[in-house]
Amino acid sequence: MQFVDKARIIIKSGDGGDGCSSFHREKYVAQGGPDGGDGGRGGSIVFYADPNMNTLLDFRFQRHYKAQRGENGKAKMSRGKNGENLIIKVPVGTLVREVETGRIVADMNKPGRERVVLHGGRGGKGNARYATPTRQAPKFCQPGQKTVEHEVELELKTIADVGLVGLPNVGKSTILSVLTSAKPKIANYHFTTLTPNLGVVKRYEETIVLADIPGLIEGAAEGAGLGHDFLRHVERTRMLVHVVDISGCEGRDPMEDYKQINEELSKFSENLAALPQMVAANKMDITGSEDNLELFCDELKEMGQDVKVFPVSAATVSGFDALLDEIVKTLATLPKPLEYDEDEITEGYKYEPGFEINIEDGVFVVTGGSVEYLLDTTYAEDDESMRRFQQFLIREGIIDALREAGATEDSTIRMGEWEFDFIE
C-alpha cells in the first residue's frame, strides 16, 4: 500500500432544509390557517480516529466531502428530517488544519476519538411560525441556513513512545524487527525504509510503541532527502533512541553521524532537540567496534553530554535487555505524547448578516448575506410579502446606505435578479 501522510480535502456541512409554506385544506373548511412545518437541520462533518487506518491514501482519490442536507418542512406542521452526519475516518495521529488560517481544528490523537469540525445549517421556519393576530395568512417561510465549503489539510504524525532515528542503513529496521513483531522491509542499501514503521514490545508488563523513522541525511531540516516528509513523525514521540553504526564499516565516523542527526533535529524543531535521548551503538559484532565505542564515549564526555550509550548487535540479538530496561525507566518519568491545542473553525454561512453596495454602469448593485436572505424569503406576487421586503430594507439600513452612496429618484437598484427604481 502506498503511504501518504499529507492530503488536502474540501468539506461542507449539510444545508438546513427550507421551511414550508402551506395552508390547511379540509372538507367543509373554506380557509384553513397556515400549517407549513420547519425544515430539518443539516448534517455535520465529524472526524473519527480509526485505529485500523495508517495512511491518508484514500483522500488522494476523493477530495470533496459533503454532509446530507436537511429535509424541507411539509404541510400539516410536519418538520423535515435532520440530515445525517458525515463521519470522515482518519488514522490516529492525524491533524486537521484549516488551510485559510493555518489553525489546527482537530487533533485526532486517540483511537476512537470523534470531533465535530463543521455543524450543519439550521432548518428554516415554516409559514405557520409567522402567523400573528394581525397577519393570519402569511405566505412566506424561511429558507434553511446555507453552509459554505472549507478546505482543510490532513497531516499524519505517527504517535509512538520511542522513535528510532539515525542515518540510512545503520540498522534501525533490523532493531525494530528484533524487538517487536513488526516486519519492516530490510536490505543492505540506503533508504530501504520509505515509510515510518510501528512495532510494540512488552517489557515488565509495560507496553512500548516503537517507531522506525526513515533515515535522515544532512539538510533534512531544509527538506533534503526524505526531510520534512518524515521529521514530522518524530514530533509525537516521547523519547529518542539514536541508532549509530559504531563499526564504521561504511567508512563513516560514528561521532560525526551522531552530531549530524542531532543538528538536523534541532533545525527542524526545538521540541525535538529537547527530547530525552539515548544511543544504541549497533553492529558491535563487527571487528573494531569495541575500540570505536570507547572513542565514541570519550568524545561524548569531552562534549559534556550526559547521554547513555548501549552497545547492541541486531545481527546477534544481544545487548537489548539493558537498553529496554532504561527505556522503561525513562518513559515512566515522561509526560504523555504531544497534544496540539484545537481552535474552532470559523464556519460561515451564506446568510451571514451584512450587505455591500457597488455601482456598475450606473446601476446600484446590493449584495451580501442579508440581501440573499431577503430575496429567498420574499414572494413578489404576495402584497404582504412585498411590504415586509420594503420594511426590511429600511430596518437593515439599506435605504439609508443607498442614499449615502448617491442613489436618487429613478436610480436603478439591482439585488440578485431583481431590478427596481429607487423611490423616496
Protein backbone atom coordinates (compact mmCIF):
# COMPACT_ATOMS: atom_id res chain seq x y z
CA MET A 1 0.00 0.00 0.00
CA GLN A 2 1.29 3.46 -0.86
CA PHE A 3 2.00 5.55 2.25
CA VAL A 4 0.52 9.05 2.14
CA ASP A 5 0.81 11.32 5.19
CA LYS A 6 -0.49 14.62 3.79
CA ALA A 7 -3.64 15.45 1.86
CA ARG A 8 -5.99 18.38 1.26
CA ILE A 9 -9.75 17.95 1.09
CA ILE A 10 -12.81 20.21 0.82
CA ILE A 11 -15.53 19.71 3.43
CA LYS A 12 -19.06 21.11 3.66
CA SER A 13 -21.71 20.51 6.29
CA GLY A 14 -25.29 20.00 5.14
CA ASP A 15 -27.59 22.92 4.34
CA GLY A 16 -30.63 23.32 6.55
CA GLY A 17 -33.95 22.29 5.00
CA ASP A 18 -36.31 25.05 3.88
CA GLY A 19 -39.45 25.84 5.83
CA CYS A 20 -42.74 25.01 4.14
CA SER A 21 -45.44 27.49 3.07
CA SER A 22 -48.81 25.78 3.01
CA PHE A 23 -52.39 26.15 4.31
CA HIS A 24 -54.69 23.66 5.95
CA ARG A 25 -57.04 22.04 3.45
CA GLU A 26 -60.02 20.02 4.64
CA LYS A 27 -63.55 19.32 3.52
CA TYR A 28 -66.01 21.93 4.78
CA VAL A 29 -63.10 24.16 5.89
CA ALA A 30 -63.11 27.07 3.46
CA GLN A 31 -59.99 28.85 4.62
CA GLY A 32 -57.69 26.83 6.83
CA GLY A 33 -54.82 28.53 8.61
CA PRO A 34 -51.10 28.24 7.76
CA ASP A 35 -49.67 24.80 8.56
CA GLY A 36 -46.21 24.78 6.99
CA GLY A 37 -43.62 22.88 9.07
CA ASP A 38 -39.98 23.73 9.76
CA GLY A 39 -37.06 22.34 7.78
CA GLY A 40 -34.63 19.86 9.32
CA ARG A 41 -31.07 20.68 10.40
CA GLY A 42 -28.26 19.76 8.00
CA GLY A 43 -25.75 17.03 8.83
CA SER A 44 -22.43 17.89 10.48
CA ILE A 45 -18.88 16.96 9.45
CA VAL A 46 -17.34 14.64 12.06
CA PHE A 47 -13.76 13.32 12.06
CA TYR A 48 -13.11 9.90 13.62
CA ALA A 49 -9.71 8.46 14.60
CA ASP A 50 -9.74 4.94 13.17
CA PRO A 51 -7.08 2.62 14.68
CA ASN A 52 -7.32 0.38 11.60
CA MET A 53 -6.04 3.08 9.22
CA ASN A 54 -2.38 4.00 8.76
CA THR A 55 -2.31 6.16 5.63
CA LEU A 56 -4.18 9.09 4.06
CA LEU A 57 -4.11 7.44 0.63
CA ASP A 58 -7.92 7.38 0.26
CA PHE A 59 -8.03 11.17 0.34
CA ARG A 60 -5.93 11.38 -2.81
CA PHE A 61 -8.81 9.88 -4.80
CA GLN A 62 -11.72 11.72 -3.19
CA ARG A 63 -11.36 15.41 -2.31
CA HIS A 64 -14.92 16.62 -1.73
CA TYR A 65 -16.90 15.59 1.36
CA LYS A 66 -20.41 16.93 1.84
CA ALA A 67 -22.85 16.07 4.64
CA GLN A 68 -26.52 15.41 3.93
CA ARG A 69 -28.91 18.32 3.57
CA GLY A 70 -31.82 18.70 6.00
CA GLU A 71 -35.22 17.75 4.61
CA ASN A 72 -37.66 20.55 3.75
CA GLY A 73 -40.64 21.12 6.02
CA LYS A 74 -44.01 19.71 4.96
CA ALA A 75 -47.68 20.55 5.26
CA LYS A 76 -49.68 19.62 8.36
CA MET A 77 -46.97 21.09 10.61
CA SER A 78 -44.59 18.26 9.66
CA ARG A 79 -40.96 19.02 10.39
CA GLY A 80 -38.35 17.84 7.88
CA LYS A 81 -35.86 15.15 8.93
CA ASN A 82 -32.38 16.20 10.01
CA GLY A 83 -29.57 15.38 7.59
CA GLU A 84 -27.21 12.56 8.58
CA ASN A 85 -23.76 13.48 9.86
CA LEU A 86 -20.85 12.62 7.57
CA ILE A 87 -18.16 10.72 9.50
CA ILE A 88 -14.69 11.02 7.95
CA LYS A 89 -12.31 8.32 9.19
CA VAL A 90 -8.63 9.22 9.52
CA PRO A 91 -5.60 7.42 11.04
CA VAL A 92 -4.77 8.01 14.70
CA GLY A 93 -2.33 10.91 14.95
CA THR A 94 -3.89 12.98 12.15
CA LEU A 95 -4.00 16.76 12.47
CA VAL A 96 -6.80 18.64 10.69
CA ARG A 97 -5.67 22.16 9.78
CA GLU A 98 -7.79 24.91 8.16
CA VAL A 99 -5.88 25.96 5.03
CA GLU A 100 -7.06 29.58 5.01
CA THR A 101 -5.99 30.40 8.57
CA GLY A 102 -3.44 27.67 9.30
CA ARG A 103 -5.21 26.88 12.59
CA ILE A 104 -5.44 23.31 13.90
CA VAL A 105 -9.12 22.44 14.27
CA ALA A 106 -8.79 18.77 15.24
CA ASP A 107 -6.05 16.64 16.77
CA MET A 108 -7.11 13.02 16.31
CA ASN A 109 -4.61 11.70 18.83
CA LYS A 110 -6.56 8.87 20.47
CA PRO A 111 -8.16 5.76 18.90
CA GLY A 112 -11.93 6.18 18.62
CA ARG A 113 -11.89 9.94 19.19
CA GLU A 114 -14.60 11.97 17.43
CA ARG A 115 -14.51 15.71 16.70
CA VAL A 116 -17.27 17.80 15.11
CA VAL A 117 -15.48 20.27 12.82
CA LEU A 118 -18.44 21.78 10.93
CA HIS A 119 -22.03 21.98 12.20
CA GLY A 120 -24.99 21.57 9.87
CA GLY A 121 -27.12 24.54 8.85
CA ARG A 122 -30.22 25.40 10.84
CA GLY A 123 -33.58 24.44 9.36
CA GLY A 124 -35.86 27.24 8.13
CA LYS A 125 -39.16 28.15 9.78
CA GLY A 126 -42.46 27.24 8.15
CA ASN A 127 -45.12 29.88 7.47
CA ALA A 128 -47.10 28.68 10.50
CA ARG A 129 -44.39 30.30 12.66
CA TYR A 130 -45.13 33.73 11.18
CA ALA A 131 -48.87 33.78 11.91
CA THR A 132 -49.99 36.58 14.24
CA PRO A 133 -53.41 38.00 15.17
CA THR A 134 -52.90 40.75 12.57
CA ARG A 135 -51.17 38.54 9.98
CA GLN A 136 -53.23 35.40 9.87
CA ALA A 137 -52.26 34.04 6.46
CA PRO A 138 -48.53 34.59 5.85
CA LYS A 139 -47.41 33.07 2.53
CA PHE A 140 -43.70 33.37 3.18
CA CYS A 141 -41.40 30.99 5.04
CA GLN A 142 -37.73 30.90 5.99
CA PRO A 143 -35.11 29.12 3.88
CA GLY A 144 -32.68 26.77 5.59
CA GLN A 145 -29.27 28.07 6.59
CA LYS A 146 -26.86 27.53 3.69
CA THR A 147 -23.36 26.41 4.66
CA VAL A 148 -20.11 27.14 2.85
CA GLU A 149 -17.16 24.95 1.84
CA HIS A 150 -13.86 24.86 3.73
CA GLU A 151 -10.52 23.46 2.58
CA VAL A 152 -8.59 21.57 5.25
CA GLU A 153 -5.22 19.86 5.25
CA LEU A 154 -4.80 16.46 6.84
CA GLU A 155 -1.34 15.75 8.24
CA LEU A 156 -0.44 12.41 9.79
CA LYS A 157 2.09 12.46 12.64
CA THR A 158 2.95 9.00 13.93
CA ILE A 159 2.22 8.53 17.64
CA ALA A 160 4.81 6.36 19.42
CA ASP A 161 6.62 6.22 22.77
CA VAL A 162 10.09 5.80 21.27
CA GLY A 163 11.43 6.98 17.93
CA LEU A 164 14.40 5.21 16.37
CA VAL A 165 16.44 7.81 14.49
CA GLY A 166 19.73 7.70 12.64
CA LEU A 167 21.36 7.87 9.24
CA PRO A 168 20.31 5.43 6.49
CA ASN A 169 21.46 1.82 6.79
CA VAL A 170 22.53 1.91 10.46
CA GLY A 171 20.15 -0.93 11.39
CA LYS A 172 17.01 0.78 12.72
CA SER A 173 14.63 -1.55 10.88
CA THR A 174 16.57 -4.62 11.98
CA ILE A 175 16.40 -3.48 15.61
CA LEU A 176 12.64 -2.92 15.28
CA SER A 177 12.18 -6.43 13.85
CA VAL A 178 14.28 -7.93 16.66
CA LEU A 179 12.43 -6.18 19.48
CA THR A 180 8.88 -6.42 18.13
CA SER A 181 6.72 -8.49 15.81
CA ALA A 182 6.89 -5.79 13.13
CA LYS A 183 8.11 -6.91 9.73
CA PRO A 184 9.71 -3.87 8.10
CA LYS A 185 11.50 -4.15 4.77
CA ILE A 186 15.18 -4.84 5.44
CA ALA A 187 18.03 -4.71 2.89
CA ASN A 188 21.66 -3.62 2.81
CA TYR A 189 21.22 -0.37 0.94
CA HIS A 190 20.26 3.20 1.84
CA PHE A 191 16.64 4.29 2.08
CA THR A 192 15.27 0.76 2.29
CA THR A 193 12.69 2.21 4.70
CA LEU A 194 10.48 4.77 2.97
CA THR A 195 7.63 4.88 5.49
CA PRO A 196 7.50 5.00 9.32
CA ASN A 197 7.06 1.51 10.77
CA LEU A 198 5.48 0.85 14.16
CA GLY A 199 6.09 -2.08 16.48
CA VAL A 200 5.03 -3.00 20.02
CA VAL A 201 7.33 -4.52 22.65
CA LYS A 202 6.24 -5.72 26.10
CA ARG A 203 8.68 -5.32 28.98
CA TYR A 204 7.78 -5.94 32.64
CA GLU A 205 4.06 -5.60 31.89
CA GLU A 206 4.75 -2.27 30.19
CA THR A 207 3.72 -1.91 26.55
CA ILE A 208 6.01 0.32 24.47
CA VAL A 209 5.32 1.52 20.94
CA LEU A 210 8.47 1.90 18.81
CA ALA A 211 8.61 3.87 15.57
CA ASP A 212 11.31 3.22 12.98
CA ILE A 213 11.72 6.62 11.31
CA PRO A 214 13.22 6.53 7.78
CA GLY A 215 16.88 7.50 7.60
CA LEU A 216 17.73 11.19 7.67
CA ILE A 217 20.57 12.89 5.83
CA GLU A 218 22.37 16.21 6.01
CA GLY A 219 19.97 19.01 5.05
CA ALA A 220 16.89 17.03 6.13
CA ALA A 221 15.55 20.02 8.10
CA GLU A 222 15.53 22.01 4.86
CA GLY A 223 13.72 19.18 3.07
CA ALA A 224 16.67 17.28 1.58
CA GLY A 225 16.24 13.55 1.06
CA LEU A 226 13.15 12.41 2.94
CA GLY A 227 13.49 15.53 5.14
CA HIS A 228 10.24 17.20 6.17
CA ASP A 229 8.19 14.24 4.95
CA PHE A 230 9.36 12.19 7.93
CA LEU A 231 10.80 14.54 10.53
CA ARG A 232 7.18 15.32 11.43
CA HIS A 233 6.77 11.70 12.54
CA VAL A 234 9.37 12.18 15.28
CA GLU A 235 7.48 15.10 16.87
CA ARG A 236 4.92 12.94 18.67
CA THR A 237 7.46 10.58 20.26
CA ARG A 238 8.26 10.89 23.96
CA MET A 239 11.93 9.98 23.65
CA LEU A 240 14.52 9.07 21.01
CA VAL A 241 16.88 6.15 20.59
CA HIS A 242 19.69 7.33 18.36
CA VAL A 243 20.98 4.32 16.40
CA VAL A 244 24.64 4.67 15.39
CA ASP A 245 26.69 2.31 13.23
CA ILE A 246 29.57 2.02 15.72
CA SER A 247 31.57 -0.26 13.44
CA GLY A 248 32.16 2.45 10.84
CA CYS A 249 32.06 -0.34 8.27
CA GLU A 250 30.89 2.05 5.55
CA GLY A 251 33.81 4.40 6.14
CA ARG A 252 31.79 6.81 8.30
CA ASP A 253 32.71 8.34 11.65
CA PRO A 254 30.08 7.36 14.30
CA MET A 255 30.52 10.67 16.17
CA GLU A 256 30.09 12.75 13.01
CA ASP A 257 26.93 10.75 12.23
CA TYR A 258 25.64 11.40 15.75
CA LYS A 259 26.30 15.14 15.52
CA GLN A 260 24.75 15.40 12.06
CA ILE A 261 21.43 13.85 13.04
CA ASN A 262 21.15 15.96 16.21
CA GLU A 263 21.84 19.08 14.20
CA GLU A 264 19.04 18.26 11.77
CA LEU A 265 16.62 17.58 14.64
CA SER A 266 17.49 20.93 16.25
CA LYS A 267 17.00 22.83 12.98
CA PHE A 268 13.58 21.28 12.42
CA SER A 269 12.15 21.79 15.91
CA GLU A 270 13.33 22.88 19.35
CA ASN A 271 10.94 20.33 20.83
CA LEU A 272 12.76 17.52 19.06
CA ALA A 273 16.15 18.66 20.31
CA ALA A 274 14.80 18.73 23.88
CA LEU A 275 13.53 15.12 23.83
CA PRO A 276 15.36 12.66 26.11
CA GLN A 277 17.80 10.63 24.06
CA MET A 278 19.98 7.56 24.41
CA VAL A 279 22.35 5.92 21.95
CA ALA A 280 22.15 2.36 20.62
CA ALA A 281 25.66 1.59 19.34
CA ASN A 282 24.74 -1.05 16.76
CA LYS A 283 26.86 -3.62 14.88
CA MET A 284 29.01 -4.49 17.90
CA ASP A 285 29.57 -7.92 16.32
CA ILE A 286 31.88 -6.40 13.68
CA THR A 287 35.64 -6.27 14.30
CA GLY A 288 36.88 -2.88 15.53
CA SER A 289 33.59 -1.86 17.11
CA GLU A 290 34.95 -2.13 20.68
CA ASP A 291 37.66 0.46 20.01
CA ASN A 292 35.21 2.76 18.21
CA LEU A 293 32.76 2.50 21.13
CA GLU A 294 35.46 3.58 23.61
CA LEU A 295 36.40 6.57 21.42
CA PHE A 296 32.73 7.49 20.98
CA CYS A 297 32.06 7.51 24.74
CA ASP A 298 35.22 9.54 25.42
CA GLU A 299 34.15 12.19 22.88
CA LEU A 300 30.69 12.43 24.48
CA LYS A 301 32.32 13.13 27.85
CA GLU A 302 34.57 15.79 26.31
CA MET A 303 31.47 17.44 24.80
CA GLY A 304 29.85 17.44 28.25
CA GLN A 305 26.90 15.35 27.06
CA ASP A 306 25.36 13.04 29.65
CA VAL A 307 23.94 10.55 27.14
CA LYS A 308 23.77 6.85 27.96
CA VAL A 309 25.27 4.54 25.33
CA PHE A 310 24.19 0.90 24.97
CA PRO A 311 26.31 -1.46 22.86
CA VAL A 312 23.97 -3.73 20.87
CA SER A 313 24.01 -6.04 17.90
CA ALA A 314 20.87 -6.57 15.91
CA ALA A 315 22.56 -9.33 13.91
CA THR A 316 23.30 -11.46 17.02
CA VAL A 317 20.34 -10.11 19.08
CA SER A 318 22.49 -9.06 22.01
CA GLY A 319 22.65 -6.11 24.37
CA PHE A 320 18.97 -5.16 24.17
CA ASP A 321 17.91 -6.06 27.72
CA ALA A 322 19.79 -3.14 29.27
CA LEU A 323 18.50 -0.78 26.55
CA LEU A 324 14.86 -1.81 27.10
CA ASP A 325 15.20 -1.51 30.89
CA GLU A 326 16.47 2.06 30.54
CA ILE A 327 13.66 2.91 28.07
CA VAL A 328 11.00 1.66 30.52
CA LYS A 329 12.63 3.57 33.38
CA THR A 330 12.83 6.82 31.36
CA LEU A 331 9.29 6.61 29.95
CA ALA A 332 7.88 6.33 33.47
CA THR A 333 9.14 9.85 34.16
CA LEU A 334 7.96 11.47 30.92
CA PRO A 335 4.67 13.21 30.06
CA LYS A 336 2.24 11.80 27.52
CA PRO A 337 2.78 12.42 23.77
CA LEU A 338 2.47 15.98 22.48
CA GLU A 339 -1.11 17.18 22.07
CA TYR A 340 -1.98 20.22 19.99
CA ASP A 341 -4.39 22.95 21.04
CA GLU A 342 -7.54 22.96 18.96
CA ASP A 343 -9.31 26.02 17.58
CA GLU A 344 -12.89 26.25 16.41
CA ILE A 345 -13.24 26.64 12.67
CA THR A 346 -14.93 29.86 11.53
CA GLU A 347 -17.83 28.14 9.83
CA GLY A 348 -19.52 30.93 7.88
CA TYR A 349 -22.94 30.75 6.23
CA LYS A 350 -24.49 32.03 3.04
CA TYR A 351 -26.82 34.28 5.04
CA GLU A 352 -24.16 35.99 7.16
CA PRO A 353 -25.68 39.38 8.16
CA GLY A 354 -24.42 42.37 6.21
CA PHE A 355 -24.54 43.94 2.77
CA GLU A 356 -22.35 45.80 0.28
CA ILE A 357 -23.18 48.42 -2.37
CA ASN A 358 -21.25 48.75 -5.64
CA ILE A 359 -22.00 50.87 -8.70
CA GLU A 360 -21.78 49.06 -12.05
CA ASP A 361 -22.57 51.05 -15.24
CA GLY A 362 -24.70 53.49 -13.22
CA VAL A 363 -26.66 50.68 -11.51
CA PHE A 364 -26.51 50.37 -7.71
CA VAL A 365 -25.81 46.67 -7.02
CA VAL A 366 -26.58 45.50 -3.47
CA THR A 367 -25.06 42.14 -2.41
CA GLY A 368 -24.40 40.24 0.81
CA GLY A 369 -25.95 37.69 3.14
CA SER A 370 -28.77 39.98 4.27
CA VAL A 371 -29.79 40.57 0.63
CA GLU A 372 -29.70 36.87 -0.27
CA TYR A 373 -31.81 36.06 2.76
CA LEU A 374 -34.34 38.75 1.85
CA LEU A 375 -34.63 37.60 -1.77
CA ASP A 376 -35.07 33.96 -0.76
CA THR A 377 -37.90 34.81 1.65
CA THR A 378 -39.84 37.29 -0.48
CA TYR A 379 -42.69 36.39 -2.85
CA ALA A 380 -43.25 39.07 -5.50
CA GLU A 381 -46.87 38.04 -6.13
CA ASP A 382 -47.86 38.50 -2.49
CA ASP A 383 -48.61 42.07 -1.34
CA GLU A 384 -47.93 41.32 2.31
CA SER A 385 -44.57 39.74 1.48
CA MET A 386 -43.60 42.81 -0.58
CA ARG A 387 -44.50 45.11 2.33
CA ARG A 388 -42.18 43.04 4.51
CA PHE A 389 -39.50 43.43 1.80
CA GLN A 390 -39.74 47.24 1.99
CA GLN A 391 -39.72 47.26 5.79
CA PHE A 392 -36.62 45.03 5.81
CA LEU A 393 -34.74 47.45 3.51
CA ILE A 394 -35.49 50.31 5.90
CA ARG A 395 -34.80 48.36 9.09
CA GLU A 396 -31.44 46.99 7.87
CA GLY A 397 -30.28 50.45 6.80
CA ILE A 398 -30.07 49.54 3.11
CA ILE A 399 -32.21 52.53 2.03
CA ASP A 400 -30.03 54.97 4.01
CA ALA A 401 -26.85 53.38 2.65
CA LEU A 402 -28.14 53.70 -0.95
CA ARG A 403 -28.93 57.36 -0.35
CA GLU A 404 -25.42 57.94 1.02
CA ALA A 405 -23.92 56.15 -1.99
CA GLY A 406 -25.63 58.68 -4.27
CA ALA A 407 -28.88 56.99 -5.23
CA THR A 408 -31.61 59.46 -6.21
CA GLU A 409 -35.12 59.33 -7.65
CA ASP A 410 -35.26 56.92 -10.61
CA SER A 411 -31.81 55.41 -9.89
CA THR A 412 -31.82 51.70 -10.76
CA ILE A 413 -31.23 49.26 -7.91
CA ARG A 414 -30.22 45.61 -8.52
CA MET A 415 -30.49 42.81 -5.98
CA GLY A 416 -29.81 39.38 -7.38
CA GLU A 417 -32.06 39.05 -10.43
CA TRP A 418 -34.40 41.82 -9.23
CA GLU A 419 -34.15 45.38 -10.60
CA PHE A 420 -36.32 48.31 -9.45
CA ASP A 421 -36.29 52.10 -9.28
CA PHE A 422 -35.20 53.93 -6.17
CA ILE A 423 -38.18 55.96 -4.92
CA GLU A 424 -38.04 58.23 -1.88
